[in-house]
Structures are given as C-alpha cells and as structure tokens.
C-alpha cells in the first residue's frame, strides 16, 4: 500500500502523521518512509534516535521501494496542481492533515477544491493537534467540513507534548516517557486501522 501525506500549509502534523503511520504498518510488513519535504523533517527525526522502519530521501526511492510492502510518503508543503495530480495518481490513499484553526482550514479548502477539480476520490482529511476540552475547535471544524462534504477520518489526533518529545529524541510517541504518550499513540493506531480497513474493502 502507498500512503501519501500532503498539505497546503506547514505545521499541520504531516511529518508526525507519516512517522506514526509508518510505525503501525511496519508491524504488518516492511515499511518505507520516503521524505519528500524540502525540510527533510522525517530524516532529521530518524537521525536523532532510532525508528522501527527505514526513512530515506525521495531521491533514493527507486532503489529501496522494491523491498517495501508499505510506502509512506511525506511530501513538501503546498504542492502545485501538477504535483497534486501526480500524488493522487501515485498512491492508494492521500491523507490531508489539518489543524482545526481558521487559517489551516482556509488552506485546506483551497487544497480540497483542487482535488475535486482533478476528480480525485482517494483522499481524506485528518484533524490533528486537536486541543483538549473545554475547547470545541475540533468539533466545530468537523461540523464545518462535514457540511462542506469533505471526507474525514472518524478519528482525530490530540495535541500532546509527547509528540514533540518523540521528535526530539528520534522515536515514536509510544516510546516516550510521558503520561499521555499511550493515549497519543492510540490516536494514530485508530487512524491507521481506518486506513487499513478502507484499503482492504477496496481490494476485496
């Protein structure tokens, strides 16, 4: 399976999502994370510690992809229309992470409009960095996106300092010494299970 993550805006949890989806799928088979972001954030994450899967520069993809059962692609922010069309064509599922704030949602709408113009159907939006109660930002964003007919994951990713600790130490969030790490890890497990279930349904 090939899973691509894309966004029109930085700071949406795109690399964090790529890392934790790769960790889940590595348990099912050899998984490769291809870092196509200009900042090479996933590569930097992996070099600070040890991740349970291989992370490579996009220019090395042809060499390593043949050995992978699952490929996760972390793309550069704000792809142009041609890049977006190629991303859609080249993956099984395109995941669009967004935070539930007005600026990110405005950028998201621009991206989803492009996807609709392209006739793409293999994409969904993932709400990330969702603040805890009593904030209702995530709930309000979900209502707005549902009303706009934008496909959403049922799950969402909480805002947790454990993710920052994971990036700083080069590990996945489940390995961080933090009381909220297990709950944060469970958020991504639920999303990965949604991806797998959707893929299994399509391929039967």
N, C-alpha and C. Protein backbone atom coordinates (compact mmCIF):
# COMPACT_ATOMS: atom_id res chain seq x y z
N UNK A 1 0.84 -1.18 0.00
CA UNK A 1 0.00 0.00 0.00
C UNK A 1 0.88 1.25 0.00
N UNK A 2 0.46 2.26 -0.75
CA UNK A 2 1.17 3.53 -0.80
C UNK A 2 0.27 4.61 -0.21
N UNK A 3 0.75 5.25 0.85
CA UNK A 3 0.00 6.30 1.54
C UNK A 3 0.80 7.58 1.43
N UNK A 4 0.18 8.63 0.93
CA UNK A 4 0.84 9.92 0.77
C UNK A 4 0.18 10.95 1.66
N UNK A 5 1.01 11.80 2.27
CA UNK A 5 0.50 12.89 3.10
C UNK A 5 0.86 14.22 2.44
N UNK A 6 -0.13 15.09 2.32
CA UNK A 6 0.08 16.38 1.65
C UNK A 6 -0.68 17.46 2.39
N UNK A 7 -0.22 18.70 2.24
CA UNK A 7 -0.86 19.83 2.89
C UNK A 7 -0.53 21.11 2.14
N UNK A 8 -1.43 22.09 2.20
CA UNK A 8 -1.17 23.40 1.62
C UNK A 8 -0.50 24.33 2.63
N UNK A 9 -0.28 23.84 3.86
CA UNK A 9 0.24 24.69 4.93
C UNK A 9 1.16 23.87 5.82
N UNK A 10 2.24 24.50 6.29
CA UNK A 10 3.12 23.82 7.24
C UNK A 10 2.51 23.79 8.63
N UNK A 11 3.09 22.98 9.51
CA UNK A 11 2.65 22.94 10.90
C UNK A 11 1.36 22.21 11.15
N UNK A 12 0.98 21.31 10.23
CA UNK A 12 -0.28 20.58 10.38
C UNK A 12 -0.11 19.16 10.92
N UNK A 13 1.12 18.78 11.28
CA UNK A 13 1.35 17.43 11.77
C UNK A 13 1.56 16.41 10.67
N UNK A 14 1.97 16.89 9.50
CA UNK A 14 2.15 15.99 8.35
C UNK A 14 3.26 14.97 8.60
N UNK A 15 4.42 15.44 9.04
CA UNK A 15 5.54 14.52 9.29
C UNK A 15 5.25 13.61 10.48
N UNK A 16 4.68 14.17 11.54
CA UNK A 16 4.30 13.35 12.70
C UNK A 16 3.35 12.23 12.28
N UNK A 17 2.42 12.56 11.40
CA UNK A 17 1.47 11.55 10.91
C UNK A 17 2.18 10.49 10.08
N UNK A 18 3.09 10.93 9.22
CA UNK A 18 3.83 9.98 8.38
C UNK A 18 4.63 9.01 9.24
N UNK A 19 5.31 9.52 10.25
CA UNK A 19 6.13 8.68 11.13
C UNK A 19 5.27 7.64 11.85
N UNK A 20 4.14 8.06 12.38
CA UNK A 20 3.35 7.13 13.19
C UNK A 20 2.52 6.16 12.35
N UNK A 21 2.14 6.55 11.15
CA UNK A 21 1.51 5.58 10.25
C UNK A 21 2.52 4.54 9.80
N UNK A 22 3.74 4.98 9.53
CA UNK A 22 4.79 4.04 9.15
C UNK A 22 5.07 3.04 10.27
N UNK A 23 5.06 3.52 11.50
CA UNK A 23 5.30 2.63 12.64
C UNK A 23 4.22 1.56 12.74
N UNK A 24 2.98 1.94 12.48
CA UNK A 24 1.89 0.96 12.52
C UNK A 24 2.05 -0.08 11.42
N UNK A 25 2.27 0.36 10.19
CA UNK A 25 2.31 -0.58 9.07
C UNK A 25 3.58 -1.43 9.07
N UNK A 26 4.63 -0.97 9.73
CA UNK A 26 5.83 -1.79 9.86
C UNK A 26 5.53 -3.09 10.60
N UNK A 27 4.55 -3.06 11.48
CA UNK A 27 4.18 -4.28 12.21
C UNK A 27 3.55 -5.33 11.30
N UNK A 28 3.02 -4.88 10.15
CA UNK A 28 2.38 -5.80 9.21
C UNK A 28 3.31 -6.24 8.09
N UNK A 29 4.38 -5.49 7.86
CA UNK A 29 5.31 -5.82 6.78
C UNK A 29 6.32 -4.71 6.60
N UNK A 30 7.40 -4.97 5.86
CA UNK A 30 8.45 -3.97 5.68
C UNK A 30 7.87 -2.65 5.15
N UNK A 31 8.16 -1.58 5.85
CA UNK A 31 7.58 -0.27 5.54
C UNK A 31 8.68 0.75 5.33
N UNK A 32 8.49 1.58 4.32
CA UNK A 32 9.46 2.60 3.94
C UNK A 32 8.80 3.97 4.06
N UNK A 33 9.47 4.90 4.73
CA UNK A 33 9.00 6.28 4.77
C UNK A 33 9.90 7.09 3.85
N UNK A 34 9.30 7.66 2.80
CA UNK A 34 10.05 8.48 1.85
C UNK A 34 9.84 9.94 2.21
N UNK A 35 10.93 10.64 2.51
CA UNK A 35 10.87 12.04 2.91
C UNK A 35 11.03 12.93 1.68
N UNK A 36 9.93 13.51 1.24
CA UNK A 36 9.95 14.39 0.08
C UNK A 36 9.77 15.85 0.45
N UNK A 37 9.77 16.15 1.75
CA UNK A 37 9.63 17.52 2.21
C UNK A 37 10.98 18.22 2.11
N UNK A 38 10.97 19.46 1.66
CA UNK A 38 12.23 20.21 1.50
C UNK A 38 13.00 20.33 2.81
N UNK A 39 12.28 20.33 3.93
CA UNK A 39 12.94 20.43 5.24
C UNK A 39 13.55 19.12 5.72
N UNK A 40 13.21 18.03 5.05
CA UNK A 40 13.70 16.69 5.42
C UNK A 40 13.46 16.41 6.91
N UNK A 41 12.27 16.74 7.37
CA UNK A 41 11.94 16.60 8.79
C UNK A 41 11.92 15.16 9.25
N UNK A 42 11.41 14.26 8.41
CA UNK A 42 11.36 12.84 8.80
C UNK A 42 12.76 12.26 8.91
N UNK A 43 13.63 12.64 7.99
CA UNK A 43 15.02 12.18 8.06
C UNK A 43 15.70 12.70 9.32
N UNK A 44 15.48 13.97 9.64
CA UNK A 44 16.06 14.53 10.85
C UNK A 44 15.54 13.81 12.09
N UNK A 45 14.26 13.51 12.10
CA UNK A 45 13.64 12.77 13.21
C UNK A 45 14.36 11.43 13.37
N UNK A 46 14.53 10.71 12.29
CA UNK A 46 15.13 9.37 12.37
C UNK A 46 16.59 9.42 12.80
N UNK A 47 17.29 10.47 12.43
CA UNK A 47 18.72 10.56 12.77
C UNK A 47 18.97 10.90 14.23
N UNK A 48 17.94 11.43 14.90
CA UNK A 48 18.12 11.77 16.31
C UNK A 48 17.98 10.56 17.22
N UNK A 49 17.51 9.45 16.68
CA UNK A 49 17.32 8.26 17.50
C UNK A 49 17.24 7.03 16.64
N UNK A 50 16.21 6.23 16.85
CA UNK A 50 16.04 5.01 16.08
C UNK A 50 14.56 4.73 15.88
N UNK A 51 14.14 4.72 14.64
CA UNK A 51 12.76 4.40 14.29
C UNK A 51 12.69 2.95 13.81
N UNK A 52 11.54 2.30 13.97
CA UNK A 52 11.43 0.87 13.63
C UNK A 52 11.21 0.59 12.14
N UNK A 53 11.52 1.54 11.28
CA UNK A 53 11.35 1.39 9.84
C UNK A 53 12.39 2.26 9.16
N UNK A 54 12.59 2.04 7.88
CA UNK A 54 13.59 2.79 7.12
C UNK A 54 13.02 4.13 6.65
N UNK A 55 13.81 5.19 6.80
CA UNK A 55 13.45 6.52 6.30
C UNK A 55 14.51 6.92 5.28
N UNK A 56 14.07 7.34 4.10
CA UNK A 56 15.02 7.70 3.05
C UNK A 56 14.64 9.03 2.39
N UNK A 57 15.62 9.63 1.76
CA UNK A 57 15.42 10.80 0.92
C UNK A 57 14.64 10.36 -0.33
N UNK A 58 13.78 11.23 -0.84
CA UNK A 58 12.97 10.86 -2.00
C UNK A 58 13.81 10.45 -3.21
N UNK A 59 15.04 10.97 -3.28
CA UNK A 59 15.90 10.64 -4.42
C UNK A 59 16.43 9.22 -4.35
N UNK A 60 16.24 8.56 -3.22
CA UNK A 60 16.67 7.17 -3.07
C UNK A 60 15.51 6.20 -3.23
N UNK A 61 14.32 6.72 -3.53
CA UNK A 61 13.12 5.90 -3.53
C UNK A 61 13.16 4.72 -4.47
N UNK A 62 13.66 4.92 -5.67
CA UNK A 62 13.66 3.84 -6.67
C UNK A 62 14.45 2.63 -6.19
N UNK A 63 15.53 2.89 -5.47
CA UNK A 63 16.38 1.79 -5.00
C UNK A 63 15.71 0.98 -3.90
N UNK A 64 15.03 1.64 -2.98
CA UNK A 64 14.53 0.97 -1.78
C UNK A 64 13.06 0.53 -1.87
N UNK A 65 12.28 1.13 -2.77
CA UNK A 65 10.84 0.87 -2.80
C UNK A 65 10.52 -0.59 -3.09
N UNK A 66 11.36 -1.24 -3.89
CA UNK A 66 11.05 -2.63 -4.27
C UNK A 66 11.07 -3.59 -3.09
N UNK A 67 11.73 -3.20 -2.00
CA UNK A 67 11.81 -4.08 -0.83
C UNK A 67 10.71 -3.82 0.18
N UNK A 68 9.85 -2.84 -0.08
CA UNK A 68 8.84 -2.44 0.90
C UNK A 68 7.46 -2.99 0.54
N UNK A 69 6.76 -3.42 1.56
CA UNK A 69 5.37 -3.84 1.40
C UNK A 69 4.44 -2.63 1.50
N UNK A 70 4.84 -1.68 2.34
CA UNK A 70 4.07 -0.44 2.53
C UNK A 70 5.01 0.75 2.37
N UNK A 71 4.52 1.79 1.70
CA UNK A 71 5.31 3.01 1.49
C UNK A 71 4.50 4.21 1.97
N UNK A 72 5.11 4.99 2.85
CA UNK A 72 4.50 6.23 3.33
C UNK A 72 5.32 7.38 2.75
N UNK A 73 4.66 8.36 2.14
CA UNK A 73 5.37 9.47 1.51
C UNK A 73 4.99 10.78 2.20
N UNK A 74 6.01 11.43 2.73
CA UNK A 74 5.84 12.76 3.34
C UNK A 74 6.25 13.80 2.30
N UNK A 75 5.29 14.57 1.80
CA UNK A 75 5.55 15.48 0.68
C UNK A 75 5.87 16.89 1.14
N UNK A 76 6.34 17.70 0.22
CA UNK A 76 6.57 19.11 0.53
C UNK A 76 5.24 19.83 0.66
N UNK A 77 5.25 20.91 1.46
CA UNK A 77 4.03 21.68 1.64
C UNK A 77 3.65 22.41 0.35
N UNK A 78 2.38 22.65 0.22
CA UNK A 78 1.78 23.39 -0.90
C UNK A 78 2.21 22.88 -2.27
N UNK A 79 1.80 21.67 -2.62
CA UNK A 79 2.08 21.17 -3.97
C UNK A 79 1.29 21.96 -5.01
N UNK A 80 1.89 22.16 -6.20
CA UNK A 80 1.13 22.84 -7.25
C UNK A 80 0.18 21.82 -7.90
N UNK A 81 -0.61 22.28 -8.84
CA UNK A 81 -1.66 21.42 -9.41
C UNK A 81 -1.08 20.17 -10.08
N UNK A 82 0.01 20.33 -10.82
CA UNK A 82 0.61 19.17 -11.48
C UNK A 82 1.16 18.18 -10.47
N UNK A 83 1.82 18.69 -9.42
CA UNK A 83 2.33 17.81 -8.37
C UNK A 83 1.19 17.08 -7.68
N UNK A 84 0.12 17.82 -7.41
CA UNK A 84 -1.03 17.22 -6.72
C UNK A 84 -1.65 16.11 -7.57
N UNK A 85 -1.77 16.35 -8.85
CA UNK A 85 -2.31 15.32 -9.75
C UNK A 85 -1.43 14.07 -9.73
N UNK A 86 -0.11 14.27 -9.73
CA UNK A 86 0.81 13.13 -9.69
C UNK A 86 0.71 12.39 -8.36
N UNK A 87 0.56 13.13 -7.27
CA UNK A 87 0.44 12.49 -5.95
C UNK A 87 -0.82 11.63 -5.88
N UNK A 88 -1.93 12.17 -6.38
CA UNK A 88 -3.19 11.43 -6.38
C UNK A 88 -3.06 10.14 -7.18
N UNK A 89 -2.47 10.25 -8.35
CA UNK A 89 -2.33 9.09 -9.23
C UNK A 89 -1.37 8.05 -8.67
N UNK A 90 -0.41 8.51 -7.88
CA UNK A 90 0.66 7.61 -7.43
C UNK A 90 0.46 6.96 -6.09
N UNK A 91 -0.72 7.09 -5.47
CA UNK A 91 -0.91 6.48 -4.15
C UNK A 91 -2.27 5.79 -4.05
N UNK A 92 -2.38 4.94 -3.04
CA UNK A 92 -3.66 4.30 -2.75
C UNK A 92 -4.55 5.20 -1.91
N UNK A 93 -3.93 5.94 -0.99
CA UNK A 93 -4.70 6.86 -0.15
C UNK A 93 -3.89 8.12 0.08
N UNK A 94 -4.54 9.27 -0.14
CA UNK A 94 -3.94 10.57 0.11
C UNK A 94 -4.56 11.13 1.38
N UNK A 95 -3.71 11.42 2.36
CA UNK A 95 -4.17 11.94 3.65
C UNK A 95 -3.79 13.40 3.74
N UNK A 96 -4.77 14.23 4.08
CA UNK A 96 -4.56 15.67 4.20
C UNK A 96 -4.69 16.05 5.67
N UNK A 97 -3.58 16.20 6.40
CA UNK A 97 -3.68 16.64 7.79
C UNK A 97 -3.99 18.13 7.87
N UNK A 98 -4.81 18.50 8.86
CA UNK A 98 -5.07 19.91 9.11
C UNK A 98 -5.33 20.13 10.59
N UNK A 99 -4.90 21.27 11.08
CA UNK A 99 -5.26 21.65 12.44
C UNK A 99 -6.61 22.38 12.39
N UNK A 100 -7.36 22.37 13.51
CA UNK A 100 -8.72 22.91 13.46
C UNK A 100 -8.81 24.42 13.70
N UNK A 101 -7.87 25.19 13.15
CA UNK A 101 -7.91 26.64 13.28
C UNK A 101 -8.28 27.25 11.94
N UNK A 102 -8.69 28.52 11.97
CA UNK A 102 -9.24 29.16 10.77
C UNK A 102 -8.25 29.21 9.62
N UNK A 103 -6.98 29.57 9.89
CA UNK A 103 -6.00 29.70 8.81
C UNK A 103 -5.74 28.36 8.13
N UNK A 104 -5.62 27.31 8.93
CA UNK A 104 -5.38 25.98 8.36
C UNK A 104 -6.59 25.49 7.58
N UNK A 105 -7.78 25.77 8.08
CA UNK A 105 -8.98 25.33 7.39
C UNK A 105 -9.17 26.09 6.07
N UNK A 106 -8.78 27.36 6.06
CA UNK A 106 -8.84 28.12 4.80
C UNK A 106 -7.91 27.49 3.76
N UNK A 107 -6.69 27.13 4.18
CA UNK A 107 -5.75 26.49 3.26
C UNK A 107 -6.26 25.12 2.82
N UNK A 108 -6.89 24.41 3.75
CA UNK A 108 -7.44 23.09 3.43
C UNK A 108 -8.50 23.18 2.34
N UNK A 109 -9.36 24.16 2.43
CA UNK A 109 -10.43 24.31 1.43
C UNK A 109 -9.84 24.53 0.04
N UNK A 110 -8.76 25.31 -0.05
CA UNK A 110 -8.10 25.51 -1.34
C UNK A 110 -7.59 24.18 -1.90
N UNK A 111 -7.01 23.36 -1.02
CA UNK A 111 -6.48 22.07 -1.46
C UNK A 111 -7.59 21.12 -1.87
N UNK A 112 -8.66 21.07 -1.09
CA UNK A 112 -9.76 20.15 -1.44
C UNK A 112 -10.47 20.59 -2.71
N UNK A 113 -10.52 21.90 -2.96
CA UNK A 113 -11.09 22.38 -4.23
C UNK A 113 -10.26 21.88 -5.41
N UNK A 114 -8.93 21.91 -5.26
CA UNK A 114 -8.04 21.40 -6.31
C UNK A 114 -8.28 19.90 -6.52
N UNK A 115 -8.42 19.16 -5.44
CA UNK A 115 -8.64 17.72 -5.55
C UNK A 115 -9.95 17.41 -6.25
N UNK A 116 -10.97 18.16 -5.95
CA UNK A 116 -12.26 17.95 -6.61
C UNK A 116 -12.17 18.29 -8.09
N UNK A 117 -11.46 19.37 -8.41
CA UNK A 117 -11.27 19.72 -9.82
C UNK A 117 -10.56 18.61 -10.58
N UNK A 118 -9.65 17.93 -9.89
CA UNK A 118 -8.91 16.83 -10.51
C UNK A 118 -9.73 15.53 -10.59
N UNK A 119 -10.88 15.51 -9.94
CA UNK A 119 -11.71 14.31 -9.92
C UNK A 119 -11.17 13.23 -9.01
N UNK A 120 -10.34 13.61 -8.04
CA UNK A 120 -9.73 12.63 -7.14
C UNK A 120 -10.77 12.10 -6.16
N UNK A 121 -10.65 10.82 -5.84
CA UNK A 121 -11.58 10.19 -4.89
C UNK A 121 -10.87 9.47 -3.75
N UNK A 122 -9.56 9.35 -3.83
CA UNK A 122 -8.82 8.54 -2.85
C UNK A 122 -8.17 9.39 -1.76
N UNK A 123 -8.92 10.36 -1.22
CA UNK A 123 -8.34 11.25 -0.21
C UNK A 123 -9.31 11.47 0.94
N UNK A 124 -8.71 11.75 2.10
CA UNK A 124 -9.48 12.09 3.31
C UNK A 124 -8.69 13.09 4.15
N UNK A 125 -9.41 13.82 4.96
CA UNK A 125 -8.81 14.83 5.83
C UNK A 125 -8.67 14.27 7.24
N UNK A 126 -7.51 14.55 7.85
CA UNK A 126 -7.23 14.13 9.22
C UNK A 126 -7.06 15.36 10.10
N UNK A 127 -7.90 15.49 11.11
CA UNK A 127 -7.77 16.60 12.07
C UNK A 127 -6.66 16.27 13.05
N UNK A 128 -5.70 17.19 13.19
CA UNK A 128 -4.54 16.98 14.05
C UNK A 128 -4.40 18.14 15.03
N UNK A 129 -3.54 17.93 16.04
CA UNK A 129 -3.27 18.96 17.05
C UNK A 129 -4.57 19.50 17.64
N UNK A 130 -5.51 18.60 17.88
CA UNK A 130 -6.81 18.99 18.41
C UNK A 130 -6.69 19.32 19.90
N UNK A 131 -7.07 20.52 20.31
CA UNK A 131 -6.93 20.91 21.72
C UNK A 131 -7.91 20.16 22.61
N UNK A 132 -7.56 19.99 23.88
CA UNK A 132 -8.44 19.26 24.81
C UNK A 132 -9.65 20.10 25.20
N UNK A 133 -10.62 19.45 25.81
CA UNK A 133 -11.76 20.17 26.37
C UNK A 133 -11.24 21.14 27.42
N UNK A 134 -11.89 22.28 27.61
CA UNK A 134 -13.23 22.64 27.12
C UNK A 134 -13.26 23.22 25.70
N UNK A 135 -12.12 23.23 24.98
CA UNK A 135 -12.13 23.75 23.62
C UNK A 135 -13.04 22.90 22.73
N UNK A 136 -13.77 23.57 21.86
CA UNK A 136 -14.64 22.88 20.91
C UNK A 136 -14.15 23.09 19.47
N UNK A 137 -12.89 23.52 19.33
CA UNK A 137 -12.37 23.82 17.99
C UNK A 137 -12.48 22.62 17.04
N UNK A 138 -12.10 21.44 17.52
CA UNK A 138 -12.13 20.26 16.66
C UNK A 138 -13.55 19.89 16.28
N UNK A 139 -14.48 19.97 17.25
CA UNK A 139 -15.88 19.65 16.97
C UNK A 139 -16.45 20.62 15.93
N UNK A 140 -16.13 21.90 16.10
CA UNK A 140 -16.64 22.90 15.16
C UNK A 140 -16.05 22.73 13.77
N UNK A 141 -14.77 22.39 13.72
CA UNK A 141 -14.13 22.13 12.42
C UNK A 141 -14.76 20.92 11.75
N UNK A 142 -15.03 19.90 12.52
CA UNK A 142 -15.64 18.68 11.96
C UNK A 142 -17.02 18.98 11.39
N UNK A 143 -17.81 19.76 12.10
CA UNK A 143 -19.15 20.13 11.61
C UNK A 143 -19.03 20.90 10.30
N UNK A 144 -18.10 21.86 10.26
CA UNK A 144 -17.91 22.67 9.05
C UNK A 144 -17.49 21.82 7.86
N UNK A 145 -16.55 20.92 8.09
CA UNK A 145 -16.04 20.09 7.00
C UNK A 145 -17.10 19.09 6.53
N UNK A 146 -17.84 18.54 7.47
CA UNK A 146 -18.95 17.64 7.11
C UNK A 146 -19.97 18.37 6.23
N UNK A 147 -20.29 19.59 6.63
CA UNK A 147 -21.28 20.38 5.89
C UNK A 147 -20.79 20.68 4.47
N UNK A 148 -19.47 20.80 4.32
CA UNK A 148 -18.89 21.08 3.00
C UNK A 148 -18.69 19.80 2.18
N UNK A 149 -19.07 18.66 2.74
CA UNK A 149 -18.93 17.40 2.02
C UNK A 149 -17.49 16.92 1.90
N UNK A 150 -16.65 17.35 2.81
CA UNK A 150 -15.23 16.96 2.78
C UNK A 150 -15.05 15.67 3.57
N UNK A 151 -14.50 14.62 2.96
CA UNK A 151 -14.37 13.34 3.65
C UNK A 151 -13.35 13.41 4.78
N UNK A 152 -13.75 12.91 5.94
CA UNK A 152 -12.94 12.99 7.15
C UNK A 152 -12.72 11.61 7.75
N UNK A 153 -11.57 11.44 8.40
CA UNK A 153 -11.39 10.27 9.24
C UNK A 153 -12.31 10.37 10.44
N UNK A 154 -12.79 9.24 10.91
CA UNK A 154 -13.63 9.23 12.11
C UNK A 154 -12.82 9.64 13.34
N UNK A 155 -11.56 9.22 13.36
CA UNK A 155 -10.69 9.58 14.47
C UNK A 155 -10.00 10.90 14.24
N UNK A 156 -9.29 11.37 15.25
CA UNK A 156 -8.53 12.60 15.15
C UNK A 156 -7.34 12.51 16.11
N UNK A 157 -6.39 13.42 15.94
CA UNK A 157 -5.15 13.37 16.72
C UNK A 157 -5.14 14.52 17.73
N UNK A 158 -4.93 14.17 18.97
CA UNK A 158 -4.91 15.18 20.04
C UNK A 158 -3.61 16.00 20.00
N UNK A 159 -3.65 17.18 20.57
CA UNK A 159 -2.45 17.97 20.79
C UNK A 159 -1.79 17.44 22.06
N UNK A 160 -0.54 17.03 21.96
CA UNK A 160 0.16 16.46 23.11
C UNK A 160 1.64 16.75 23.01
N UNK A 161 2.24 17.20 24.10
CA UNK A 161 3.66 17.50 24.12
C UNK A 161 4.49 16.24 23.88
N UNK A 162 3.89 15.07 24.11
CA UNK A 162 4.59 13.80 23.88
C UNK A 162 5.06 13.67 22.43
N UNK A 163 4.33 14.23 21.48
CA UNK A 163 4.76 14.17 20.08
C UNK A 163 6.05 14.98 19.87
N UNK A 164 6.13 16.13 20.52
CA UNK A 164 7.35 16.94 20.41
C UNK A 164 8.54 16.19 21.03
N UNK A 165 8.30 15.54 22.16
CA UNK A 165 9.36 14.77 22.80
C UNK A 165 9.84 13.63 21.90
N UNK A 166 8.89 12.99 21.22
CA UNK A 166 9.24 11.90 20.31
C UNK A 166 10.13 12.40 19.17
N UNK A 167 9.77 13.55 18.59
CA UNK A 167 10.56 14.11 17.50
C UNK A 167 11.96 14.49 17.97
N UNK A 168 12.06 15.03 19.17
CA UNK A 168 13.35 15.46 19.69
C UNK A 168 14.27 14.30 20.03
N UNK A 169 13.69 13.17 20.41
CA UNK A 169 14.51 12.01 20.79
C UNK A 169 14.61 10.97 19.69
N UNK A 170 13.91 11.19 18.57
CA UNK A 170 14.04 10.28 17.44
C UNK A 170 13.35 8.95 17.62
N UNK A 171 12.20 8.97 18.26
CA UNK A 171 11.45 7.73 18.48
C UNK A 171 9.98 7.96 18.16
N UNK A 172 9.17 6.93 18.25
CA UNK A 172 7.73 7.10 18.10
C UNK A 172 7.15 7.47 19.47
N UNK A 173 5.96 8.04 19.46
CA UNK A 173 5.41 8.58 20.69
C UNK A 173 5.19 7.52 21.76
N UNK A 174 4.91 6.29 21.35
CA UNK A 174 4.67 5.22 22.33
C UNK A 174 5.90 4.95 23.18
N UNK A 175 7.08 5.33 22.71
CA UNK A 175 8.33 5.07 23.44
C UNK A 175 8.74 6.23 24.35
N UNK A 176 7.93 7.29 24.38
CA UNK A 176 8.27 8.48 25.17
C UNK A 176 7.81 8.30 26.61
N UNK A 177 8.65 8.77 27.53
CA UNK A 177 8.28 8.74 28.95
C UNK A 177 7.39 9.95 29.25
N UNK A 178 6.11 9.76 29.06
CA UNK A 178 5.14 10.84 29.26
C UNK A 178 3.80 10.19 29.60
N UNK A 179 3.09 10.71 30.58
CA UNK A 179 1.83 10.07 30.99
C UNK A 179 0.75 10.06 29.90
N UNK A 180 0.89 10.94 28.91
CA UNK A 180 -0.13 10.99 27.84
C UNK A 180 0.34 10.30 26.56
N UNK A 181 1.51 9.70 26.60
CA UNK A 181 2.07 9.11 25.38
C UNK A 181 1.22 7.95 24.86
N UNK A 182 0.72 7.11 25.74
CA UNK A 182 -0.07 5.94 25.30
C UNK A 182 -1.35 6.38 24.60
N UNK A 183 -2.01 7.40 25.15
CA UNK A 183 -3.24 7.90 24.52
C UNK A 183 -2.94 8.54 23.18
N UNK A 184 -1.82 9.27 23.09
CA UNK A 184 -1.43 9.89 21.83
C UNK A 184 -1.13 8.82 20.78
N UNK A 185 -0.44 7.77 21.19
CA UNK A 185 -0.14 6.66 20.26
C UNK A 185 -1.42 5.99 19.79
N UNK A 186 -2.38 5.85 20.70
CA UNK A 186 -3.65 5.20 20.35
C UNK A 186 -4.40 5.98 19.28
N UNK A 187 -4.26 7.30 19.28
CA UNK A 187 -4.93 8.10 18.23
C UNK A 187 -4.45 7.68 16.85
N UNK A 188 -3.14 7.51 16.68
CA UNK A 188 -2.61 7.13 15.36
C UNK A 188 -2.90 5.67 15.03
N UNK A 189 -2.95 4.83 16.03
CA UNK A 189 -3.32 3.43 15.77
C UNK A 189 -4.74 3.37 15.19
N UNK A 190 -5.64 4.17 15.76
CA UNK A 190 -7.02 4.19 15.27
C UNK A 190 -7.08 4.70 13.83
N UNK A 191 -6.30 5.71 13.51
CA UNK A 191 -6.29 6.24 12.14
C UNK A 191 -5.72 5.20 11.18
N UNK A 192 -4.62 4.56 11.56
CA UNK A 192 -4.02 3.53 10.71
C UNK A 192 -4.98 2.37 10.47
N UNK A 193 -5.74 2.02 11.49
CA UNK A 193 -6.73 0.95 11.32
C UNK A 193 -7.82 1.36 10.34
N UNK A 194 -8.21 2.64 10.37
CA UNK A 194 -9.17 3.14 9.39
C UNK A 194 -8.61 3.03 7.97
N UNK A 195 -7.34 3.40 7.81
CA UNK A 195 -6.69 3.31 6.50
C UNK A 195 -6.68 1.87 6.02
N UNK A 196 -6.28 0.97 6.89
CA UNK A 196 -6.19 -0.45 6.52
C UNK A 196 -7.56 -1.02 6.16
N UNK A 197 -8.56 -0.70 6.96
CA UNK A 197 -9.92 -1.20 6.70
C UNK A 197 -10.42 -0.69 5.35
N UNK A 198 -10.18 0.58 5.06
CA UNK A 198 -10.62 1.15 3.79
C UNK A 198 -9.91 0.49 2.62
N UNK A 199 -8.60 0.26 2.78
CA UNK A 199 -7.82 -0.38 1.72
C UNK A 199 -8.28 -1.81 1.50
N UNK A 200 -8.51 -2.54 2.58
CA UNK A 200 -8.97 -3.93 2.48
C UNK A 200 -10.31 -4.01 1.77
N UNK A 201 -11.18 -3.04 2.06
CA UNK A 201 -12.51 -3.02 1.42
C UNK A 201 -12.38 -2.82 -0.08
N UNK A 202 -11.47 -1.92 -0.48
CA UNK A 202 -11.29 -1.60 -1.89
C UNK A 202 -10.67 -2.74 -2.68
N UNK A 203 -9.82 -3.52 -2.03
CA UNK A 203 -9.08 -4.56 -2.73
C UNK A 203 -9.74 -5.93 -2.70
N UNK A 204 -10.88 -6.05 -2.02
CA UNK A 204 -11.57 -7.34 -1.99
C UNK A 204 -12.33 -7.56 -3.28
